[in-house]
Amino acid sequence: MLRVLKNKEELSTAAADIFIETAQSAIAKKGIFTVALTGGTSPESVYKLLAREEYASAIDWTKVIVFWGDERWVPLDDERSNAGMAYNALLKHVPIPADQLFPMWESNREPEEFAQAYEGLLRDELGADGQFDLILLGMGEDGHTASLFPGTKVLSEQERWVVSYYLESQQMYRITFTAPLLNKAKRIMFMVFGASKADALFEVLEGQPNEGVYPAQLIINESNRVIWLADEFAAAKLKR
């Protein structure tokens, strides 16, 4: 499902509303809400909205369990940290128990060891089906999502849920959910804004299948469980 919003502000409001509705529904049905957050430029304004009283008060944060879909292998106080951004914009402003937050970072582990441990954590918390209530995703100008970058080996992973690898173009390790885990989610919400994303969004949604070049195509939309929110600038080249 694609929704085109006028600008970043309207997109952020729509995303916050979907976040709240999904959280309320999950908590009503099973007592908890499991969500995987994302980083990059797209979600920060959404997190800041959710931290405002009129939004924050709509969710029972004591029943929210937070993970991250991917991360740069840096400490939380590094300005590049996805988790650090989410803490500053949202998580330190809402009454969520600290033991229900699972950032992708530990100072005393190597990335590969940590990725294996994080997958074990997910299996413990989510069960064998590995199904999140909601996963938030952005998309880069190159069509990547999470840390699934064009041309990387992780794109062909079929078994593991979480992997680490060294991204040569950024000279750093990344930790990421794999496509098989992402595609288990009950709901996935992409947030894409800006004219710089227009070419990639067209290729991902309306172009020929080419997952190695546009990894966001790996996310499978079944029964409208994938929601694409795009502003008018990002959606400018879409024909349908």
Protein backbone atom coordinates (compact mmCIF):
# COMPACT_ATOMS: atom_id res chain seq x y z
CA MET A 1 0.00 0.00 0.00
CA LEU A 2 1.30 3.43 -0.97
CA ARG A 3 0.24 6.71 0.60
CA VAL A 4 1.56 9.95 -0.85
CA LEU A 5 1.64 12.87 1.58
CA LYS A 6 2.21 16.51 0.75
CA ASN A 7 5.43 16.98 2.71
CA LYS A 8 7.66 15.60 5.46
CA GLU A 9 5.43 17.01 8.19
CA GLU A 10 2.30 15.27 6.91
CA LEU A 11 4.28 12.07 6.38
CA SER A 12 5.57 12.17 9.95
CA THR A 13 2.07 12.67 11.33
CA ALA A 14 0.74 9.76 9.27
CA ALA A 15 3.60 7.55 10.45
CA ALA A 16 3.02 8.47 14.10
CA ASP A 17 -0.68 7.68 13.75
CA ILE A 18 0.08 4.26 12.27
CA PHE A 19 2.61 3.58 15.03
CA ILE A 20 0.02 4.37 17.70
CA GLU A 21 -2.77 2.39 16.06
CA THR A 22 -0.52 -0.66 15.64
CA ALA A 23 0.72 -0.44 19.22
CA GLN A 24 -2.77 -0.11 20.66
CA SER A 25 -4.05 -3.04 18.61
CA ALA A 26 -1.15 -5.33 19.56
CA ILE A 27 -1.39 -4.49 23.26
CA ALA A 28 -5.15 -5.06 23.25
CA LYS A 29 -4.76 -8.44 21.55
CA LYS A 30 -1.75 -9.94 23.32
CA GLY A 31 -0.55 -7.57 26.00
CA ILE A 32 2.68 -6.40 24.35
CA PHE A 33 3.84 -4.46 21.29
CA THR A 34 7.07 -5.50 19.60
CA VAL A 35 8.66 -2.94 17.31
CA ALA A 36 11.94 -2.56 15.47
CA LEU A 37 13.06 1.02 14.99
CA THR A 38 15.18 2.42 12.19
CA GLY A 39 17.74 5.18 11.84
CA GLY A 40 18.70 7.58 9.10
CA THR A 41 17.02 10.91 8.40
CA SER A 42 13.48 9.63 7.87
CA PRO A 43 12.26 8.67 11.37
CA GLU A 44 13.63 11.34 13.69
CA SER A 45 10.70 13.70 13.22
CA VAL A 46 8.32 10.77 13.79
CA TYR A 47 10.05 9.91 17.06
CA LYS A 48 9.84 13.52 18.21
CA LEU A 49 6.11 13.56 17.49
CA LEU A 50 5.60 10.34 19.45
CA ALA A 51 7.40 11.92 22.41
CA ARG A 52 4.86 14.75 22.60
CA GLU A 53 2.27 14.34 25.34
CA GLU A 54 -0.74 14.04 23.04
CA TYR A 55 0.90 11.12 21.24
CA ALA A 56 2.88 9.54 24.06
CA SER A 57 -0.17 9.33 26.30
CA ALA A 58 -1.97 7.17 23.71
CA ILE A 59 0.40 4.22 24.29
CA ASP A 60 1.05 2.09 27.37
CA TRP A 61 4.84 2.24 27.08
CA THR A 62 5.30 -0.32 29.86
CA LYS A 63 4.10 -2.90 27.33
CA VAL A 64 6.36 -1.84 24.46
CA ILE A 65 9.47 -3.88 23.59
CA VAL A 66 11.94 -2.08 21.32
CA PHE A 67 14.58 -3.50 19.02
CA TRP A 68 16.47 -2.03 16.07
CA GLY A 69 16.42 -3.30 12.51
CA ASP A 70 19.99 -2.29 11.83
CA GLU A 71 22.85 -0.30 13.27
CA ARG A 72 26.27 1.11 12.66
CA TRP A 73 28.75 -0.59 14.99
CA VAL A 74 29.33 2.50 17.13
CA PRO A 75 28.58 3.34 20.79
CA LEU A 76 25.22 4.87 21.64
CA ASP A 77 26.81 8.26 22.34
CA ASP A 78 28.26 8.39 18.82
CA GLU A 79 26.31 10.82 16.64
CA ARG A 80 26.02 8.10 13.97
CA SER A 81 24.17 5.69 16.28
CA ASN A 82 20.61 4.84 15.26
CA ALA A 83 19.78 3.84 18.82
CA GLY A 84 21.33 7.00 20.23
CA MET A 85 19.14 9.11 17.98
CA ALA A 86 16.02 7.20 19.02
CA TYR A 87 16.89 7.58 22.71
CA ASN A 88 17.36 11.33 22.35
CA ALA A 89 14.28 11.92 20.19
CA LEU A 90 11.82 9.54 21.87
CA LEU A 91 12.81 6.82 24.31
CA LYS A 92 14.17 8.94 27.14
CA HIS A 93 10.94 10.97 27.08
CA VAL A 94 8.48 8.09 27.58
CA PRO A 95 8.04 5.67 30.52
CA ILE A 96 9.40 2.57 28.85
CA PRO A 97 11.34 0.19 31.13
CA ALA A 98 15.06 0.11 30.37
CA ASP A 99 15.07 -3.70 30.26
CA GLN A 100 12.65 -3.58 27.32
CA LEU A 101 15.10 -1.67 25.10
CA PHE A 102 17.56 -3.72 23.05
CA PRO A 103 20.01 -1.53 21.13
CA MET A 104 22.47 -3.17 18.75
CA TRP A 105 25.64 -2.41 20.68
CA GLU A 106 27.89 -3.91 23.34
CA SER A 107 31.35 -2.59 24.06
CA ASN A 108 32.88 -5.92 24.98
CA ARG A 109 31.87 -7.96 21.92
CA GLU A 110 32.95 -8.25 18.32
CA PRO A 111 30.25 -7.48 15.71
CA GLU A 112 29.81 -11.07 14.52
CA GLU A 113 29.54 -12.44 18.04
CA PHE A 114 27.04 -9.73 18.88
CA ALA A 115 24.93 -10.43 15.78
CA GLN A 116 24.63 -14.08 16.78
CA ALA A 117 23.69 -13.11 20.34
CA TYR A 118 21.10 -10.60 19.09
CA GLU A 119 19.50 -13.27 16.94
CA GLY A 120 19.30 -15.51 20.01
CA LEU A 121 17.67 -12.67 21.91
CA LEU A 122 15.08 -12.25 19.17
CA ARG A 123 14.28 -15.94 19.20
CA ASP A 124 13.82 -15.80 22.97
CA GLU A 125 11.61 -12.71 22.88
CA LEU A 126 9.62 -13.34 19.69
CA GLY A 127 9.51 -17.12 19.56
CA ALA A 128 10.21 -19.37 16.61
CA ASP A 129 8.06 -17.38 14.21
CA GLY A 130 10.16 -14.24 14.71
CA GLN A 131 7.20 -11.99 13.98
CA PHE A 132 7.30 -8.32 14.93
CA ASP A 133 4.13 -6.31 15.25
CA LEU A 134 5.79 -3.43 13.39
CA ILE A 135 9.12 -2.78 11.69
CA LEU A 136 10.02 0.74 10.65
CA LEU A 137 12.22 1.19 7.60
CA GLY A 138 13.65 3.98 5.51
CA MET A 139 15.19 3.80 2.07
CA GLY A 140 18.40 5.33 0.81
CA GLU A 141 19.02 7.07 -2.48
CA ASP A 142 20.68 3.85 -3.65
CA GLY A 143 17.61 1.74 -2.82
CA HIS A 144 19.04 0.17 0.33
CA THR A 145 16.93 -0.47 3.40
CA ALA A 146 18.06 -1.45 6.90
CA SER A 147 21.73 -2.30 6.22
CA LEU A 148 20.88 -4.25 3.09
CA PHE A 149 23.11 -2.39 0.66
CA PRO A 150 23.38 -3.00 -3.10
CA GLY A 151 25.81 -5.72 -4.09
CA THR A 152 26.46 -7.09 -0.58
CA LYS A 153 26.42 -10.78 0.30
CA VAL A 154 23.80 -10.26 3.01
CA LEU A 155 21.17 -9.83 0.28
CA SER A 156 21.27 -13.57 -0.45
CA GLU A 157 21.05 -14.70 3.19
CA GLN A 158 18.18 -17.16 3.64
CA GLU A 159 18.65 -18.68 7.10
CA ARG A 160 20.01 -16.21 9.62
CA TRP A 161 17.91 -13.43 11.11
CA VAL A 162 20.73 -11.06 12.07
CA VAL A 163 24.16 -10.67 10.49
CA SER A 164 27.16 -8.38 10.75
CA TYR A 165 29.50 -7.45 7.94
CA TYR A 166 32.08 -4.85 7.02
CA LEU A 167 30.69 -2.28 4.59
CA GLU A 168 33.72 -1.23 2.62
CA SER A 169 32.14 1.93 1.20
CA GLN A 170 31.60 3.27 4.73
CA GLN A 171 34.72 1.73 6.30
CA MET A 172 32.71 0.32 9.19
CA TYR A 173 30.81 -2.72 10.46
CA ARG A 174 27.05 -2.85 10.23
CA ILE A 175 24.56 -5.08 12.06
CA THR A 176 21.29 -5.79 10.27
CA PHE A 177 18.14 -7.83 10.15
CA THR A 178 18.07 -9.99 7.04
CA ALA A 179 15.30 -10.08 4.46
CA PRO A 180 13.84 -13.36 5.80
CA LEU A 181 13.34 -11.81 9.24
CA LEU A 182 12.01 -8.51 7.89
CA ASN A 183 9.46 -10.36 5.79
CA LYS A 184 8.02 -12.15 8.83
CA ALA A 185 6.61 -8.91 10.30
CA LYS A 186 2.89 -8.37 10.68
CA ARG A 187 3.34 -4.81 9.43
CA ILE A 188 6.23 -2.91 7.83
CA MET A 189 6.22 0.85 7.39
CA PHE A 190 8.58 2.59 4.99
CA MET A 191 9.11 6.35 5.35
CA VAL A 192 10.59 8.02 2.26
CA PHE A 193 10.84 11.72 1.59
CA GLY A 194 12.75 14.11 -0.63
CA ALA A 195 13.42 14.45 -4.36
CA SER A 196 16.73 12.62 -4.00
CA LYS A 197 14.79 9.39 -3.33
CA ALA A 198 12.51 9.67 -6.40
CA ASP A 199 14.59 7.57 -8.79
CA ALA A 200 15.10 4.76 -6.29
CA LEU A 201 11.45 4.74 -5.20
CA PHE A 202 10.33 4.43 -8.81
CA GLU A 203 12.72 1.53 -9.42
CA VAL A 204 11.74 -0.26 -6.22
CA LEU A 205 7.98 0.06 -6.69
CA GLU A 206 7.53 0.17 -10.47
CA GLY A 207 10.84 -0.88 -12.03
CA GLN A 208 12.01 -4.29 -13.14
CA PRO A 209 12.97 -6.79 -10.42
CA ASN A 210 16.61 -6.16 -9.53
CA GLU A 211 17.09 -6.88 -5.84
CA GLY A 212 20.87 -6.81 -6.04
CA VAL A 213 20.76 -3.18 -7.17
CA TYR A 214 17.64 -2.07 -5.28
CA PRO A 215 17.55 -4.15 -2.07
CA ALA A 216 14.29 -2.62 -0.85
CA GLN A 217 12.65 -4.87 -3.45
CA LEU A 218 13.45 -7.77 -1.11
CA ILE A 219 10.59 -6.69 1.14
CA ILE A 220 7.56 -8.66 0.03
CA ASN A 221 4.15 -7.02 0.17
CA GLU A 222 1.49 -9.58 1.00
CA SER A 223 -2.05 -8.63 2.00
CA ASN A 224 -1.07 -4.95 2.13
CA ARG A 225 1.05 -5.50 5.25
CA VAL A 226 3.75 -3.20 3.81
CA ILE A 227 2.90 0.50 4.00
CA TRP A 228 4.92 2.95 1.92
CA LEU A 229 4.63 6.56 3.08
CA ALA A 230 6.20 8.99 0.61
CA ASP A 231 6.03 12.73 0.22
CA GLU A 232 5.18 14.30 -3.13
CA PHE A 233 8.84 14.86 -3.95
CA ALA A 234 9.86 11.23 -3.44
CA ALA A 235 6.78 10.01 -5.33
CA ALA A 236 7.19 12.40 -8.26
CA LYS A 237 8.29 9.75 -10.78
CA LEU A 238 5.73 7.11 -9.91
CA LYS A 239 3.24 6.41 -12.67
CA ARG A 240 0.71 4.22 -10.89
